[in-house]
Amino acid sequence: MKLKIYLITTAIALILSFVSWFIDPRITYGLLLSAAYSMFNMMVLTMTMKMALNKDMLNYSALITGNILRFGLLLVVIYIAVKNPQYFNMVGVAVGFTLFLIALLIDALSRKGGKMQ
């Protein structure tokens, strides 16, 4: 992944965290928790796909290991948020999960003529 997308994700997370702090700090904590997971998820997904598609044949062990890691951590993040409602709001967690996808959309829309950089 490009550094630009990670920077966009971080900027969106920080802006939304600042705004949501005045509404409810628990939203901010949930947003930051799931935004960190979202970026880690995309890093693992990128590395997994590079390893799986690196050879002539598809490497299923890399795909399975990456998916178990990603979904296992997703369950941990949701478990933390559900078990600690005094610290994390589920709305913030749900928004944080989508931040990386929003950054990808912003990056795709900002390109001129759809050219890859």
N, C-alpha and C. Protein backbone atom coordinates (compact mmCIF):
# COMPACT_ATOMS: atom_id res chain seq x y z
N MET A 1 0.84 -1.19 0.00
CA MET A 1 0.00 0.00 0.00
C MET A 1 0.88 1.24 0.00
N LYS A 2 0.33 2.28 -0.56
CA LYS A 2 1.07 3.52 -0.62
C LYS A 2 0.97 4.26 0.71
N LEU A 3 2.01 4.98 1.04
CA LEU A 3 2.06 5.75 2.27
C LEU A 3 0.96 6.82 2.28
N LYS A 4 0.62 7.32 1.10
CA LYS A 4 -0.39 8.37 0.99
C LYS A 4 -1.73 7.90 1.57
N ILE A 5 -2.09 6.65 1.34
CA ILE A 5 -3.37 6.14 1.83
C ILE A 5 -3.34 6.03 3.35
N TYR A 6 -2.21 5.60 3.91
CA TYR A 6 -2.09 5.53 5.36
C TYR A 6 -2.15 6.92 5.99
N LEU A 7 -1.57 7.90 5.32
CA LEU A 7 -1.62 9.27 5.83
C LEU A 7 -3.04 9.83 5.76
N ILE A 8 -3.76 9.53 4.68
CA ILE A 8 -5.14 9.98 4.57
C ILE A 8 -5.99 9.34 5.67
N THR A 9 -5.79 8.05 5.90
CA THR A 9 -6.54 7.35 6.94
C THR A 9 -6.25 7.95 8.31
N THR A 10 -4.99 8.22 8.59
CA THR A 10 -4.63 8.81 9.88
C THR A 10 -5.22 10.20 10.03
N ALA A 11 -5.18 10.99 8.97
CA ALA A 11 -5.74 12.34 9.04
C ALA A 11 -7.24 12.30 9.28
N ILE A 12 -7.94 11.42 8.58
CA ILE A 12 -9.39 11.31 8.77
C ILE A 12 -9.70 10.86 10.19
N ALA A 13 -8.94 9.89 10.69
CA ALA A 13 -9.17 9.39 12.06
C ALA A 13 -8.94 10.50 13.08
N LEU A 14 -7.90 11.28 12.90
CA LEU A 14 -7.62 12.35 13.86
C LEU A 14 -8.66 13.46 13.80
N ILE A 15 -9.11 13.80 12.61
CA ILE A 15 -10.13 14.84 12.48
C ILE A 15 -11.45 14.37 13.10
N LEU A 16 -11.85 13.15 12.77
CA LEU A 16 -13.09 12.62 13.35
C LEU A 16 -12.98 12.45 14.86
N SER A 17 -11.81 12.08 15.33
CA SER A 17 -11.60 11.93 16.78
C SER A 17 -11.71 13.27 17.48
N PHE A 18 -11.14 14.30 16.89
CA PHE A 18 -11.23 15.63 17.49
C PHE A 18 -12.68 16.10 17.56
N VAL A 19 -13.42 15.90 16.47
CA VAL A 19 -14.82 16.33 16.43
C VAL A 19 -15.66 15.49 17.40
N SER A 20 -15.45 14.19 17.42
CA SER A 20 -16.28 13.33 18.27
C SER A 20 -15.93 13.46 19.75
N TRP A 21 -14.78 14.00 20.07
CA TRP A 21 -14.40 14.17 21.47
C TRP A 21 -15.41 15.08 22.18
N PHE A 22 -15.94 16.06 21.47
CA PHE A 22 -16.89 16.98 22.08
C PHE A 22 -18.28 16.38 22.19
N ILE A 23 -18.56 15.35 21.42
CA ILE A 23 -19.85 14.65 21.50
C ILE A 23 -19.80 13.63 22.63
N ASP A 24 -18.84 12.72 22.54
CA ASP A 24 -18.66 11.69 23.56
C ASP A 24 -17.26 11.11 23.40
N PRO A 25 -16.43 11.19 24.44
CA PRO A 25 -15.07 10.65 24.32
C PRO A 25 -15.04 9.16 24.02
N ARG A 26 -16.07 8.42 24.38
CA ARG A 26 -16.10 6.98 24.09
C ARG A 26 -16.14 6.72 22.59
N ILE A 27 -16.79 7.61 21.85
CA ILE A 27 -16.80 7.48 20.39
C ILE A 27 -15.38 7.64 19.85
N THR A 28 -14.65 8.58 20.41
CA THR A 28 -13.27 8.81 19.99
C THR A 28 -12.41 7.58 20.25
N TYR A 29 -12.54 7.00 21.43
CA TYR A 29 -11.75 5.82 21.76
C TYR A 29 -12.10 4.65 20.84
N GLY A 30 -13.37 4.44 20.57
CA GLY A 30 -13.79 3.38 19.67
C GLY A 30 -13.28 3.60 18.26
N LEU A 31 -13.33 4.84 17.83
CA LEU A 31 -12.86 5.20 16.50
C LEU A 31 -11.37 4.93 16.35
N LEU A 32 -10.59 5.33 17.33
CA LEU A 32 -9.14 5.13 17.26
C LEU A 32 -8.77 3.65 17.35
N LEU A 33 -9.47 2.90 18.19
CA LEU A 33 -9.21 1.46 18.30
C LEU A 33 -9.46 0.75 16.97
N SER A 34 -10.60 1.00 16.37
CA SER A 34 -10.93 0.30 15.13
C SER A 34 -10.19 0.87 13.92
N ALA A 35 -9.80 2.13 13.96
CA ALA A 35 -9.00 2.69 12.86
C ALA A 35 -7.61 2.06 12.86
N ALA A 36 -7.05 1.83 14.04
CA ALA A 36 -5.76 1.15 14.13
C ALA A 36 -5.89 -0.27 13.58
N TYR A 37 -6.98 -0.95 13.93
CA TYR A 37 -7.20 -2.29 13.39
C TYR A 37 -7.36 -2.23 11.87
N SER A 38 -8.08 -1.25 11.37
CA SER A 38 -8.33 -1.14 9.94
C SER A 38 -7.03 -1.00 9.16
N MET A 39 -6.11 -0.19 9.67
CA MET A 39 -4.83 -0.03 8.97
C MET A 39 -4.00 -1.30 9.07
N PHE A 40 -3.99 -1.95 10.24
CA PHE A 40 -3.27 -3.21 10.39
C PHE A 40 -3.87 -4.27 9.47
N ASN A 41 -5.18 -4.29 9.36
CA ASN A 41 -5.88 -5.25 8.51
C ASN A 41 -5.43 -5.10 7.06
N MET A 42 -5.34 -3.89 6.57
CA MET A 42 -4.93 -3.68 5.19
C MET A 42 -3.46 -4.01 4.97
N MET A 43 -2.61 -3.77 5.97
CA MET A 43 -1.20 -4.16 5.84
C MET A 43 -1.08 -5.67 5.74
N VAL A 44 -1.79 -6.39 6.61
CA VAL A 44 -1.73 -7.85 6.58
C VAL A 44 -2.32 -8.38 5.28
N LEU A 45 -3.42 -7.79 4.83
CA LEU A 45 -4.04 -8.23 3.58
C LEU A 45 -3.11 -8.01 2.40
N THR A 46 -2.42 -6.89 2.37
CA THR A 46 -1.48 -6.60 1.29
C THR A 46 -0.31 -7.58 1.29
N MET A 47 0.25 -7.82 2.47
CA MET A 47 1.37 -8.76 2.56
C MET A 47 0.93 -10.18 2.21
N THR A 48 -0.25 -10.57 2.66
CA THR A 48 -0.76 -11.90 2.37
C THR A 48 -0.96 -12.11 0.88
N MET A 49 -1.55 -11.13 0.23
CA MET A 49 -1.80 -11.27 -1.21
C MET A 49 -0.50 -11.28 -2.00
N LYS A 50 0.49 -10.50 -1.58
CA LYS A 50 1.78 -10.52 -2.26
C LYS A 50 2.45 -11.89 -2.12
N MET A 51 2.37 -12.47 -0.91
CA MET A 51 2.96 -13.80 -0.70
C MET A 51 2.19 -14.86 -1.46
N ALA A 52 0.88 -14.76 -1.48
CA ALA A 52 0.06 -15.79 -2.12
C ALA A 52 0.19 -15.76 -3.64
N LEU A 53 0.33 -14.59 -4.21
CA LEU A 53 0.38 -14.45 -5.67
C LEU A 53 1.80 -14.35 -6.21
N ASN A 54 2.80 -14.52 -5.36
CA ASN A 54 4.18 -14.36 -5.76
C ASN A 54 4.67 -15.48 -6.67
N LYS A 55 4.10 -16.65 -6.55
CA LYS A 55 4.57 -17.80 -7.31
C LYS A 55 3.61 -18.09 -8.46
N ASP A 56 3.93 -19.14 -9.22
CA ASP A 56 3.06 -19.53 -10.32
C ASP A 56 1.73 -20.07 -9.83
N MET A 57 1.78 -20.78 -8.71
CA MET A 57 0.55 -21.35 -8.15
C MET A 57 0.13 -20.54 -6.93
N LEU A 58 -1.15 -20.53 -6.67
CA LEU A 58 -1.69 -19.79 -5.54
C LEU A 58 -1.27 -20.47 -4.24
N ASN A 59 -0.76 -19.70 -3.31
CA ASN A 59 -0.28 -20.20 -2.03
C ASN A 59 -1.42 -20.11 -1.01
N TYR A 60 -2.13 -21.21 -0.83
CA TYR A 60 -3.29 -21.21 0.06
C TYR A 60 -2.91 -21.10 1.53
N SER A 61 -1.75 -21.59 1.91
CA SER A 61 -1.36 -21.50 3.32
C SER A 61 -1.16 -20.05 3.74
N ALA A 62 -0.61 -19.22 2.86
CA ALA A 62 -0.47 -17.79 3.17
C ALA A 62 -1.83 -17.13 3.27
N LEU A 63 -2.75 -17.48 2.39
CA LEU A 63 -4.09 -16.91 2.45
C LEU A 63 -4.82 -17.30 3.72
N ILE A 64 -4.73 -18.56 4.09
CA ILE A 64 -5.43 -19.04 5.28
C ILE A 64 -4.83 -18.41 6.55
N THR A 65 -3.51 -18.37 6.62
CA THR A 65 -2.86 -17.77 7.79
C THR A 65 -3.21 -16.29 7.92
N GLY A 66 -3.16 -15.57 6.82
CA GLY A 66 -3.50 -14.15 6.85
C GLY A 66 -4.94 -13.91 7.25
N ASN A 67 -5.86 -14.73 6.73
CA ASN A 67 -7.27 -14.56 7.08
C ASN A 67 -7.53 -14.90 8.54
N ILE A 68 -6.89 -15.93 9.05
CA ILE A 68 -7.06 -16.26 10.46
C ILE A 68 -6.55 -15.14 11.35
N LEU A 69 -5.41 -14.57 10.99
CA LEU A 69 -4.86 -13.45 11.75
C LEU A 69 -5.77 -12.23 11.70
N ARG A 70 -6.24 -11.89 10.51
CA ARG A 70 -7.10 -10.71 10.35
C ARG A 70 -8.43 -10.86 11.09
N PHE A 71 -9.09 -11.99 10.90
CA PHE A 71 -10.40 -12.19 11.53
C PHE A 71 -10.28 -12.43 13.03
N GLY A 72 -9.18 -13.05 13.45
CA GLY A 72 -8.95 -13.22 14.88
C GLY A 72 -8.78 -11.88 15.58
N LEU A 73 -8.00 -10.99 14.96
CA LEU A 73 -7.82 -9.67 15.55
C LEU A 73 -9.12 -8.86 15.50
N LEU A 74 -9.92 -9.05 14.45
CA LEU A 74 -11.22 -8.39 14.39
C LEU A 74 -12.09 -8.81 15.57
N LEU A 75 -12.09 -10.09 15.87
CA LEU A 75 -12.86 -10.57 17.02
C LEU A 75 -12.33 -9.99 18.33
N VAL A 76 -11.03 -9.86 18.44
CA VAL A 76 -10.44 -9.27 19.65
C VAL A 76 -10.87 -7.82 19.81
N VAL A 77 -10.84 -7.05 18.72
CA VAL A 77 -11.24 -5.64 18.77
C VAL A 77 -12.71 -5.52 19.15
N ILE A 78 -13.56 -6.32 18.54
CA ILE A 78 -14.99 -6.26 18.87
C ILE A 78 -15.22 -6.71 20.30
N TYR A 79 -14.52 -7.74 20.75
CA TYR A 79 -14.65 -8.22 22.13
C TYR A 79 -14.25 -7.12 23.12
N ILE A 80 -13.15 -6.44 22.85
CA ILE A 80 -12.71 -5.35 23.73
C ILE A 80 -13.77 -4.26 23.79
N ALA A 81 -14.32 -3.90 22.64
CA ALA A 81 -15.32 -2.83 22.60
C ALA A 81 -16.62 -3.23 23.29
N VAL A 82 -17.04 -4.47 23.13
CA VAL A 82 -18.29 -4.92 23.74
C VAL A 82 -18.14 -5.08 25.25
N LYS A 83 -17.02 -5.59 25.70
CA LYS A 83 -16.80 -5.83 27.13
C LYS A 83 -16.49 -4.56 27.92
N ASN A 84 -16.14 -3.49 27.24
CA ASN A 84 -15.80 -2.23 27.91
C ASN A 84 -16.64 -1.08 27.37
N PRO A 85 -17.95 -1.12 27.55
CA PRO A 85 -18.77 -0.04 27.01
C PRO A 85 -18.54 1.30 27.71
N GLN A 86 -17.92 1.27 28.87
CA GLN A 86 -17.62 2.53 29.56
C GLN A 86 -16.48 3.28 28.88
N TYR A 87 -15.70 2.58 28.04
CA TYR A 87 -14.58 3.20 27.33
C TYR A 87 -14.80 3.32 25.82
N PHE A 88 -15.56 2.40 25.23
CA PHE A 88 -15.71 2.36 23.78
C PHE A 88 -17.18 2.38 23.38
N ASN A 89 -17.49 3.21 22.40
CA ASN A 89 -18.83 3.27 21.84
C ASN A 89 -18.81 2.49 20.52
N MET A 90 -19.82 1.66 20.31
CA MET A 90 -19.85 0.81 19.12
C MET A 90 -20.04 1.61 17.83
N VAL A 91 -20.65 2.78 17.92
CA VAL A 91 -20.77 3.63 16.72
C VAL A 91 -19.38 4.07 16.27
N GLY A 92 -18.55 4.48 17.20
CA GLY A 92 -17.18 4.87 16.86
C GLY A 92 -16.38 3.70 16.31
N VAL A 93 -16.59 2.52 16.87
CA VAL A 93 -15.91 1.33 16.38
C VAL A 93 -16.33 1.03 14.94
N ALA A 94 -17.62 1.11 14.67
CA ALA A 94 -18.12 0.83 13.32
C ALA A 94 -17.57 1.84 12.30
N VAL A 95 -17.52 3.10 12.68
CA VAL A 95 -16.99 4.13 11.78
C VAL A 95 -15.49 3.90 11.54
N GLY A 96 -14.77 3.53 12.57
CA GLY A 96 -13.34 3.30 12.43
C GLY A 96 -13.00 2.15 11.50
N PHE A 97 -13.87 1.13 11.46
CA PHE A 97 -13.62 0.01 10.56
C PHE A 97 -13.67 0.44 9.09
N THR A 98 -14.39 1.49 8.79
CA THR A 98 -14.55 1.92 7.40
C THR A 98 -13.55 2.99 6.98
N LEU A 99 -12.74 3.49 7.89
CA LEU A 99 -11.86 4.61 7.56
C LEU A 99 -10.87 4.29 6.45
N PHE A 100 -10.31 3.10 6.45
CA PHE A 100 -9.34 2.77 5.41
C PHE A 100 -10.02 2.69 4.05
N LEU A 101 -11.25 2.18 4.02
CA LEU A 101 -11.98 2.12 2.76
C LEU A 101 -12.31 3.53 2.25
N ILE A 102 -12.62 4.43 3.17
CA ILE A 102 -12.88 5.82 2.79
C ILE A 102 -11.60 6.44 2.22
N ALA A 103 -10.46 6.15 2.85
CA ALA A 103 -9.19 6.68 2.34
C ALA A 103 -8.87 6.13 0.96
N LEU A 104 -9.16 4.86 0.73
CA LEU A 104 -8.97 4.30 -0.61
C LEU A 104 -9.86 4.98 -1.64
N LEU A 105 -11.09 5.27 -1.26
CA LEU A 105 -12.01 5.96 -2.17
C LEU A 105 -11.52 7.38 -2.47
N ILE A 106 -11.06 8.08 -1.45
CA ILE A 106 -10.55 9.44 -1.65
C ILE A 106 -9.33 9.40 -2.58
N ASP A 107 -8.45 8.44 -2.37
CA ASP A 107 -7.26 8.32 -3.23
C ASP A 107 -7.65 8.01 -4.66
N ALA A 108 -8.61 7.13 -4.85
CA ALA A 108 -9.05 6.77 -6.20
C ALA A 108 -9.71 7.95 -6.90
N LEU A 109 -10.50 8.72 -6.16
CA LEU A 109 -11.17 9.87 -6.76
C LEU A 109 -10.22 11.03 -7.03
N SER A 110 -9.09 11.08 -6.31
CA SER A 110 -8.16 12.19 -6.49
C SER A 110 -7.22 11.99 -7.68
N ARG A 111 -7.20 10.80 -8.24
CA ARG A 111 -6.33 10.56 -9.38
C ARG A 111 -6.87 11.24 -10.63
N LYS A 112 -5.97 11.72 -11.44
CA LYS A 112 -6.36 12.39 -12.69
C LYS A 112 -6.52 11.35 -13.79
N GLY A 113 -7.70 11.20 -14.31
CA GLY A 113 -7.93 10.32 -15.44
C GLY A 113 -7.76 8.83 -15.13
N GLY A 114 -7.74 8.46 -13.86
CA GLY A 114 -7.63 7.08 -13.47
C GLY A 114 -6.25 6.48 -13.67
N LYS A 115 -5.22 7.30 -13.84
CA LYS A 115 -3.86 6.80 -14.04
C LYS A 115 -3.28 6.35 -12.71
N MET A 116 -2.58 5.21 -12.77
CA MET A 116 -1.90 4.71 -11.57
C MET A 116 -0.62 5.48 -11.38
N GLN A 117 -0.30 5.81 -10.13
CA GLN A 117 0.93 6.56 -9.87
C GLN A 117 1.98 5.65 -9.31
